[in-house]
Amino acid sequence: MTTQILNFEDVKLYYDHVYALKGVSLHINEGETVALIGANGAGKSSILRVITGLNSLTEGQIYYQGQRLDGASPDEIVKKGIVMVPEGRRVFPFLSVKDNLMMGAFSRTDKAGIKQTLEKVLVRFPRLKERYYQSAGTLSGGEQQMLVIGRALMAKPKLLLLDEPSLGIAPKLVQDIARSIVEINRDEKVSVLLVEQNSRMALSISHRAYAMATGSIALSGLSAELLKDDRVKKLYLGG
């Protein structure tokens, strides 16, 4: 039986009387990677903001592992196992790679477990091991993206939220990051919600997807089928 880890029920959000989300219903199953695609301003980031408690929804409910999530504070949400990698590679530039990674474990007290997670992150991202004592601000854009994903993994998430991980990254490193997302989902059994404007990449590495248009879900389905859908090709894949 499939278990839902996250469930949106008719979620509405508006800023200053302008609707950002107009009654969105979606779900993520345990162990699944779900892509959220759409143009800038479609509402993708608003979905992440209400999941993480950065914005309070106007109407509707959000359930996480069967319990109401809306109304919880951002730090409570992290402790429940929901961790976001924000857009824009927000590293602590003057801290070392090591210290940036350890910041991700701030809510944990299991020293042996933290050490084990750190070792796994460095195996997953060998570049971070090579640059372990370098200041994070000296890394390339792609390396910084690996660092913020690694930092999120230090919190041992059950649900990982990724906001535009390919944005501004060299194409070769986009492939590396896409591969790492697949491996994190498969090997660590972490459920993933991937928000991406690079729709082709997002659909290629996810199980299911939702395509957004102006605060609403326009299309949804299996990612492999949406990749072949003429409407998706025209609206989201540039062809």
C-alpha atoms as a PDB file:
ATOM      1  CA  MET A   1       0.000   0.000   0.000  1.00  0.00           C
ATOM      2  CA  THR A   2       1.324   3.448  -0.943  1.00  0.00           C
ATOM      3  CA  THR A   3       1.698   5.884   1.963  1.00  0.00           C
ATOM      4  CA  GLN A   4       1.520   9.619   1.408  1.00  0.00           C
ATOM      5  CA  ILE A   5       4.211  11.614   3.190  1.00  0.00           C
ATOM      6  CA  LEU A   6       2.794  15.037   2.195  1.00  0.00           C
ATOM      7  CA  ASN A   7      -0.715  16.017   1.165  1.00  0.00           C
ATOM      8  CA  PHE A   8      -2.091  19.417   0.108  1.00  0.00           C
ATOM      9  CA  GLU A   9      -5.865  19.799   0.318  1.00  0.00           C
ATOM     10  CA  ASP A  10      -7.251  22.795  -1.575  1.00  0.00           C
ATOM     11  CA  VAL A  11      -4.499  25.138  -0.358  1.00  0.00           C
ATOM     12  CA  LYS A  12      -4.965  28.845  -0.993  1.00  0.00           C
ATOM     13  CA  LEU A  13      -2.462  31.602  -0.309  1.00  0.00           C
ATOM     14  CA  TYR A  14      -2.691  35.252  -1.095  1.00  0.00           C
ATOM     15  CA  TYR A  15      -0.400  38.218  -0.563  1.00  0.00           C
ATOM     16  CA  ASP A  16      -2.109  41.620  -0.299  1.00  0.00           C
ATOM     17  CA  HIS A  17      -5.337  40.221  -1.789  1.00  0.00           C
ATOM     18  CA  VAL A  18      -3.520  38.716  -4.806  1.00  0.00           C
ATOM     19  CA  TYR A  19      -3.793  34.927  -4.962  1.00  0.00           C
ATOM     20  CA  ALA A  20      -0.436  33.141  -5.170  1.00  0.00           C
ATOM     21  CA  LEU A  21      -2.096  29.717  -4.801  1.00  0.00           C
ATOM     22  CA  LYS A  22      -5.674  29.218  -5.940  1.00  0.00           C
ATOM     23  CA  GLY A  23      -6.774  25.979  -4.330  1.00  0.00           C
ATOM     24  CA  VAL A  24      -3.847  23.595  -4.919  1.00  0.00           C
ATOM     25  CA  SER A  25      -4.228  19.892  -4.174  1.00  0.00           C
ATOM     26  CA  LEU A  26      -1.218  17.599  -4.580  1.00  0.00           C
ATOM     27  CA  HIS A  27       0.537  14.770  -2.786  1.00  0.00           C
ATOM     28  CA  ILE A  28       3.923  13.109  -2.460  1.00  0.00           C
ATOM     29  CA  ASN A  29       4.210   9.412  -1.670  1.00  0.00           C
ATOM     30  CA  GLU A  30       6.921   8.047   0.610  1.00  0.00           C
ATOM     31  CA  GLY A  31      10.076   7.277  -1.361  1.00  0.00           C
ATOM     32  CA  GLU A  32       8.959   9.278  -4.375  1.00  0.00           C
ATOM     33  CA  THR A  33      10.541  12.159  -6.286  1.00  0.00           C
ATOM     34  CA  VAL A  34       7.901  14.616  -7.468  1.00  0.00           C
ATOM     35  CA  ALA A  35       8.731  17.503  -9.812  1.00  0.00           C
ATOM     36  CA  LEU A  36       6.987  20.853  -9.766  1.00  0.00           C
ATOM     37  CA  ILE A  37       7.482  22.690 -13.057  1.00  0.00           C
ATOM     38  CA  GLY A  38       6.238  25.995 -14.421  1.00  0.00           C
ATOM     39  CA  ALA A  39       7.307  29.509 -15.328  1.00  0.00           C
ATOM     40  CA  ASN A  40       8.469  32.185 -12.900  1.00  0.00           C
ATOM     41  CA  GLY A  41       5.516  33.456 -10.873  1.00  0.00           C
ATOM     42  CA  ALA A  42       3.464  30.280 -11.377  1.00  0.00           C
ATOM     43  CA  GLY A  43       3.417  29.587  -7.628  1.00  0.00           C
ATOM     44  CA  LYS A  44       6.131  26.938  -7.277  1.00  0.00           C
ATOM     45  CA  SER A  45       8.087  28.807  -4.587  1.00  0.00           C
ATOM     46  CA  SER A  46       4.842  29.683  -2.768  1.00  0.00           C
ATOM     47  CA  ILE A  47       4.227  25.950  -2.335  1.00  0.00           C
ATOM     48  CA  LEU A  48       7.649  25.569  -0.717  1.00  0.00           C
ATOM     49  CA  ARG A  49       7.045  28.572   1.524  1.00  0.00           C
ATOM     50  CA  VAL A  50       3.801  27.188   2.937  1.00  0.00           C
ATOM     51  CA  ILE A  51       5.309  23.711   3.454  1.00  0.00           C
ATOM     52  CA  THR A  52       8.229  25.167   5.437  1.00  0.00           C
ATOM     53  CA  GLY A  53       6.058  27.555   7.460  1.00  0.00           C
ATOM     54  CA  LEU A  54       7.583  30.705   5.978  1.00  0.00           C
ATOM     55  CA  ASN A  55       4.091  31.745   4.864  1.00  0.00           C
ATOM     56  CA  SER A  56       0.795  30.890   6.547  1.00  0.00           C
ATOM     57  CA  LEU A  57      -1.765  29.530   4.119  1.00  0.00           C
ATOM     58  CA  THR A  58      -5.037  31.395   3.716  1.00  0.00           C
ATOM     59  CA  GLU A  59      -7.307  28.354   3.336  1.00  0.00           C
ATOM     60  CA  GLY A  60      -6.956  24.576   3.083  1.00  0.00           C
ATOM     61  CA  GLN A  61      -4.841  22.024   4.946  1.00  0.00           C
ATOM     62  CA  ILE A  62      -1.410  20.453   4.653  1.00  0.00           C
ATOM     63  CA  TYR A  63      -0.772  17.004   6.128  1.00  0.00           C
ATOM     64  CA  TYR A  64       2.653  15.477   6.743  1.00  0.00           C
ATOM     65  CA  GLN A  65       2.792  11.786   7.673  1.00  0.00           C
ATOM     66  CA  GLY A  66      -0.932  11.980   8.404  1.00  0.00           C
ATOM     67  CA  GLN A  67      -0.665  14.930  10.838  1.00  0.00           C
ATOM     68  CA  ARG A  68      -1.614  18.568  10.220  1.00  0.00           C
ATOM     69  CA  LEU A  69       1.493  20.528   9.264  1.00  0.00           C
ATOM     70  CA  ASP A  70       0.094  23.998   8.625  1.00  0.00           C
ATOM     71  CA  GLY A  71       0.479  26.147  11.719  1.00  0.00           C
ATOM     72  CA  ALA A  72       3.797  24.587  12.792  1.00  0.00           C
ATOM     73  CA  SER A  73       6.800  26.915  13.089  1.00  0.00           C
ATOM     74  CA  PRO A  74       9.724  26.621  10.626  1.00  0.00           C
ATOM     75  CA  ASP A  75      12.053  25.111  13.256  1.00  0.00           C
ATOM     76  CA  GLU A  76       9.396  22.543  14.294  1.00  0.00           C
ATOM     77  CA  ILE A  77       9.012  21.617  10.619  1.00  0.00           C
ATOM     78  CA  VAL A  78      12.773  20.975  10.258  1.00  0.00           C
ATOM     79  CA  LYS A  79      12.688  18.774  13.373  1.00  0.00           C
ATOM     80  CA  LYS A  80       9.871  16.751  11.779  1.00  0.00           C
ATOM     81  CA  GLY A  81      12.262  15.890   8.931  1.00  0.00           C
ATOM     82  CA  ILE A  82      11.371  18.448   6.231  1.00  0.00           C
ATOM     83  CA  VAL A  83      14.461  20.273   4.957  1.00  0.00           C
ATOM     84  CA  MET A  84      14.654  22.821   2.148  1.00  0.00           C
ATOM     85  CA  VAL A  85      17.575  23.677  -0.118  1.00  0.00           C
ATOM     86  CA  PRO A  86      16.699  27.281  -1.071  1.00  0.00           C
ATOM     87  CA  GLU A  87      17.235  28.865  -4.446  1.00  0.00           C
ATOM     88  CA  GLY A  88      20.501  30.745  -4.873  1.00  0.00           C
ATOM     89  CA  ARG A  89      23.076  28.518  -3.113  1.00  0.00           C
ATOM     90  CA  ARG A  90      23.030  30.225   0.269  1.00  0.00           C
ATOM     91  CA  VAL A  91      26.326  29.129   1.751  1.00  0.00           C
ATOM     92  CA  PHE A  92      28.143  30.758   4.678  1.00  0.00           C
ATOM     93  CA  PRO A  93      30.943  32.140   2.460  1.00  0.00           C
ATOM     94  CA  PHE A  94      33.578  32.762   5.136  1.00  0.00           C
ATOM     95  CA  LEU A  95      33.114  29.402   6.843  1.00  0.00           C
ATOM     96  CA  SER A  96      34.875  26.259   5.619  1.00  0.00           C
ATOM     97  CA  VAL A  97      33.097  23.505   3.704  1.00  0.00           C
ATOM     98  CA  LYS A  98      33.340  21.407   6.885  1.00  0.00           C
ATOM     99  CA  ASP A  99      31.691  24.078   9.052  1.00  0.00           C
ATOM    100  CA  ASN A 100      28.956  24.701   6.467  1.00  0.00           C
ATOM    101  CA  LEU A 101      28.119  21.000   6.487  1.00  0.00           C
ATOM    102  CA  MET A 102      28.068  20.842  10.275  1.00  0.00           C
ATOM    103  CA  MET A 103      25.599  23.753  10.370  1.00  0.00           C
ATOM    104  CA  GLY A 104      23.111  21.346   8.779  1.00  0.00           C
ATOM    105  CA  ALA A 105      23.258  19.084  11.839  1.00  0.00           C
ATOM    106  CA  PHE A 106      22.342  21.843  14.320  1.00  0.00           C
ATOM    107  CA  SER A 107      19.117  20.106  15.390  1.00  0.00           C
ATOM    108  CA  ARG A 108      20.812  16.727  16.017  1.00  0.00           C
ATOM    109  CA  THR A 109      22.505  15.484  19.201  1.00  0.00           C
ATOM    110  CA  ASP A 110      23.640  12.004  18.073  1.00  0.00           C
ATOM    111  CA  LYS A 111      27.396  12.554  17.640  1.00  0.00           C
ATOM    112  CA  ALA A 112      28.108   9.111  16.178  1.00  0.00           C
ATOM    113  CA  GLY A 113      25.194   9.471  13.772  1.00  0.00           C
ATOM    114  CA  ILE A 114      26.336  12.948  12.690  1.00  0.00           C
ATOM    115  CA  LYS A 115      29.823  11.584  11.953  1.00  0.00           C
ATOM    116  CA  GLN A 116      28.333   8.728   9.912  1.00  0.00           C
ATOM    117  CA  THR A 117      26.112  11.127   7.922  1.00  0.00           C
ATOM    118  CA  LEU A 118      29.097  13.411   7.262  1.00  0.00           C
ATOM    119  CA  GLU A 119      31.123  10.495   5.891  1.00  0.00           C
ATOM    120  CA  LYS A 120      28.242   9.533   3.570  1.00  0.00           C
ATOM    121  CA  VAL A 121      27.891  13.125   2.301  1.00  0.00           C
ATOM    122  CA  LEU A 122      31.631  13.287   1.499  1.00  0.00           C
ATOM    123  CA  VAL A 123      31.428   9.974  -0.378  1.00  0.00           C
ATOM    124  CA  ARG A 124      28.429  11.291  -2.333  1.00  0.00           C
ATOM    125  CA  PHE A 125      30.154  14.601  -3.134  1.00  0.00           C
ATOM    126  CA  PRO A 126      33.909  13.896  -3.459  1.00  0.00           C
ATOM    127  CA  ARG A 127      34.572  17.514  -4.523  1.00  0.00           C
ATOM    128  CA  LEU A 128      33.495  18.623  -1.052  1.00  0.00           C
ATOM    129  CA  LYS A 129      36.026  16.242   0.477  1.00  0.00           C
ATOM    130  CA  GLU A 130      38.751  17.702  -1.761  1.00  0.00           C
ATOM    131  CA  ARG A 131      37.822  21.225  -0.611  1.00  0.00           C
ATOM    132  CA  TYR A 132      36.938  20.321   2.971  1.00  0.00           C
ATOM    133  CA  TYR A 133      38.909  23.133   4.648  1.00  0.00           C
ATOM    134  CA  GLN A 134      38.389  25.784   1.938  1.00  0.00           C
ATOM    135  CA  SER A 135      36.085  28.750   2.510  1.00  0.00           C
ATOM    136  CA  ALA A 136      32.714  28.035   0.922  1.00  0.00           C
ATOM    137  CA  GLY A 137      32.843  31.391  -0.895  1.00  0.00           C
ATOM    138  CA  THR A 138      35.806  30.161  -2.980  1.00  0.00           C
ATOM    139  CA  LEU A 139      33.847  27.248  -4.498  1.00  0.00           C
ATOM    140  CA  SER A 140      32.319  27.297  -7.967  1.00  0.00           C
ATOM    141  CA  GLY A 141      28.539  27.642  -8.344  1.00  0.00           C
ATOM    142  CA  GLY A 142      28.118  23.919  -8.911  1.00  0.00           C
ATOM    143  CA  GLU A 143      30.283  23.048  -5.915  1.00  0.00           C
ATOM    144  CA  GLN A 144      28.272  25.441  -3.741  1.00  0.00           C
ATOM    145  CA  GLN A 145      25.083  23.707  -4.870  1.00  0.00           C
ATOM    146  CA  MET A 146      26.587  20.355  -3.848  1.00  0.00           C
ATOM    147  CA  LEU A 147      27.469  21.936  -0.507  1.00  0.00           C
ATOM    148  CA  VAL A 148      23.956  23.185   0.254  1.00  0.00           C
ATOM    149  CA  ILE A 149      22.469  19.805  -0.715  1.00  0.00           C
ATOM    150  CA  GLY A 150      25.060  18.095   1.482  1.00  0.00           C
ATOM    151  CA  ARG A 151      24.258  20.494   4.321  1.00  0.00           C
ATOM    152  CA  ALA A 152      20.555  19.607   4.015  1.00  0.00           C
ATOM    153  CA  LEU A 153      21.403  15.882   4.147  1.00  0.00           C
ATOM    154  CA  MET A 154      23.234  16.472   7.459  1.00  0.00           C
ATOM    155  CA  ALA A 155      19.794  17.082   9.012  1.00  0.00           C
ATOM    156  CA  LYS A 156      18.722  13.534   7.986  1.00  0.00           C
ATOM    157  CA  PRO A 157      15.587  14.663   6.128  1.00  0.00           C
ATOM    158  CA  LYS A 158      12.618  12.436   5.404  1.00  0.00           C
ATOM    159  CA  LEU A 159      11.384  14.973   2.820  1.00  0.00           C
ATOM    160  CA  LEU A 160      13.885  17.083   0.879  1.00  0.00           C
ATOM    161  CA  LEU A 161      12.631  20.238  -0.855  1.00  0.00           C
ATOM    162  CA  LEU A 162      14.877  21.478  -3.679  1.00  0.00           C
ATOM    163  CA  ASP A 163      14.257  24.967  -5.076  1.00  0.00           C
ATOM    164  CA  GLU A 164      15.787  25.391  -8.565  1.00  0.00           C
ATOM    165  CA  PRO A 165      18.991  23.369  -7.938  1.00  0.00           C
ATOM    166  CA  SER A 166      20.131  23.719 -11.585  1.00  0.00           C
ATOM    167  CA  LEU A 167      19.792  27.526 -11.721  1.00  0.00           C
ATOM    168  CA  GLY A 168      23.005  29.188 -12.909  1.00  0.00           C
ATOM    169  CA  ILE A 169      24.995  25.935 -12.907  1.00  0.00           C
ATOM    170  CA  ALA A 170      27.315  24.792 -15.726  1.00  0.00           C
ATOM    171  CA  PRO A 171      25.637  22.044 -17.832  1.00  0.00           C
ATOM    172  CA  LYS A 172      28.194  19.367 -16.840  1.00  0.00           C
ATOM    173  CA  LEU A 173      27.554  19.989 -13.141  1.00  0.00           C
ATOM    174  CA  VAL A 174      23.780  20.039 -13.710  1.00  0.00           C
ATOM    175  CA  GLN A 175      24.150  16.392 -14.781  1.00  0.00           C
ATOM    176  CA  ASP A 176      26.121  15.618 -11.609  1.00  0.00           C
ATOM    177  CA  ILE A 177      23.512  17.299  -9.410  1.00  0.00           C
ATOM    178  CA  ALA A 178      20.652  15.522 -11.220  1.00  0.00           C
ATOM    179  CA  ARG A 179      22.419  12.202 -10.678  1.00  0.00           C
ATOM    180  CA  SER A 180      22.925  12.974  -6.991  1.00  0.00           C
ATOM    181  CA  ILE A 181      19.192  13.739  -6.554  1.00  0.00           C
ATOM    182  CA  VAL A 182      18.319  10.335  -8.062  1.00  0.00           C
ATOM    183  CA  GLU A 183      20.839   8.609  -5.769  1.00  0.00           C
ATOM    184  CA  ILE A 184      19.662  10.443  -2.627  1.00  0.00           C
ATOM    185  CA  ASN A 185      16.084   9.383  -3.351  1.00  0.00           C
ATOM    186  CA  ARG A 186      17.040   5.792  -4.180  1.00  0.00           C
ATOM    187  CA  ASP A 187      19.827   5.089  -1.675  1.00  0.00           C
ATOM    188  CA  GLU A 188      18.808   7.221   1.313  1.00  0.00           C
ATOM    189  CA  LYS A 189      15.062   6.542   0.845  1.00  0.00           C
ATOM    190  CA  VAL A 190      14.436  10.311   1.060  1.00  0.00           C
ATOM    191  CA  SER A 191      11.254  11.640  -0.561  1.00  0.00           C
ATOM    192  CA  VAL A 192      11.993  14.638  -2.802  1.00  0.00           C
ATOM    193  CA  LEU A 193       9.973  17.607  -4.029  1.00  0.00           C
ATOM    194  CA  LEU A 194      11.951  19.151  -6.883  1.00  0.00           C
ATOM    195  CA  VAL A 195      11.010  22.670  -8.031  1.00  0.00           C
ATOM    196  CA  GLU A 196      12.626  23.384 -11.408  1.00  0.00           C
ATOM    197  CA  GLN A 197      12.395  25.645 -14.425  1.00  0.00           C
ATOM    198  CA  ASN A 198      14.625  23.125 -16.220  1.00  0.00           C
ATOM    199  CA  SER A 199      11.539  21.039 -16.953  1.00  0.00           C
ATOM    200  CA  ARG A 200      13.294  18.448 -19.107  1.00  0.00           C
ATOM    201  CA  MET A 201      15.784  17.616 -16.361  1.00  0.00           C
ATOM    202  CA  ALA A 202      13.078  17.601 -13.671  1.00  0.00           C
ATOM    203  CA  LEU A 203      10.810  15.263 -15.644  1.00  0.00           C
ATOM    204  CA  SER A 204      13.756  12.999 -16.508  1.00  0.00           C
ATOM    205  CA  ILE A 205      14.651  12.267 -12.874  1.00  0.00           C
ATOM    206  CA  SER A 206      11.244  12.299 -11.125  1.00  0.00           C
ATOM    207  CA  HIS A 207       8.488   9.702 -10.771  1.00  0.00           C
ATOM    208  CA  ARG A 208       5.533  12.089 -11.058  1.00  0.00           C
ATOM    209  CA  ALA A 209       5.109  15.780 -11.781  1.00  0.00           C
ATOM    210  CA  TYR A 210       2.759  18.715 -11.463  1.00  0.00           C
ATOM    211  CA  ALA A 211       2.868  21.539 -14.003  1.00  0.00           C
ATOM    212  CA  MET A 212       1.778  24.887 -12.590  1.00  0.00           C
ATOM    213  CA  ALA A 213       0.249  27.945 -14.244  1.00  0.00           C
ATOM    214  CA  THR A 214      -0.644  31.113 -12.301  1.00  0.00           C
ATOM    215  CA  GLY A 215      -1.206  29.557  -8.896  1.00  0.00           C
ATOM    216  CA  SER A 216      -2.994  26.410 -10.069  1.00  0.00           C
ATOM    217  CA  ILE A 217      -2.102  22.883 -11.164  1.00  0.00           C
ATOM    218  CA  ALA A 218      -2.489  22.850 -14.954  1.00  0.00           C
ATOM    219  CA  LEU A 219      -1.376  19.246 -15.598  1.00  0.00           C
ATOM    220  CA  SER A 220      -0.199  16.290 -13.550  1.00  0.00           C
ATOM    221  CA  GLY A 221       0.824  12.699 -14.134  1.00  0.00           C
ATOM    222  CA  LEU A 222       3.713  10.284 -14.478  1.00  0.00           C
ATOM    223  CA  SER A 223       6.846  12.179 -15.481  1.00  0.00           C
ATOM    224  CA  ALA A 224       7.704   9.765 -18.303  1.00  0.00           C
ATOM    225  CA  GLU A 225       4.265  10.370 -19.848  1.00  0.00           C
ATOM    226  CA  LEU A 226       4.377  14.142 -19.369  1.00  0.00           C
ATOM    227  CA  LEU A 227       7.723  14.224 -21.216  1.00  0.00           C
ATOM    228  CA  LYS A 228       5.878  12.926 -24.304  1.00  0.00           C
ATOM    229  CA  ASP A 229       2.767  15.103 -23.830  1.00  0.00           C
ATOM    230  CA  ASP A 230       2.390  17.667 -26.630  1.00  0.00           C
ATOM    231  CA  ARG A 231       0.994  20.281 -24.234  1.00  0.00           C
ATOM    232  CA  VAL A 232       3.994  19.917 -21.949  1.00  0.00           C
ATOM    233  CA  LYS A 233       6.383  20.044 -24.907  1.00  0.00           C
ATOM    234  CA  LYS A 234       4.794  23.250 -26.134  1.00  0.00           C
ATOM    235  CA  LEU A 235       4.424  25.035 -22.800  1.00  0.00           C
ATOM    236  CA  TYR A 236       7.358  23.776 -20.727  1.00  0.00           C
ATOM    237  CA  LEU A 237       9.949  22.123 -22.974  1.00  0.00           C
ATOM    238  CA  GLY A 238      10.211  24.767 -25.677  1.00  0.00           C
ATOM    239  CA  GLY A 239       9.031  22.657 -28.587  1.00  0.00           C
END
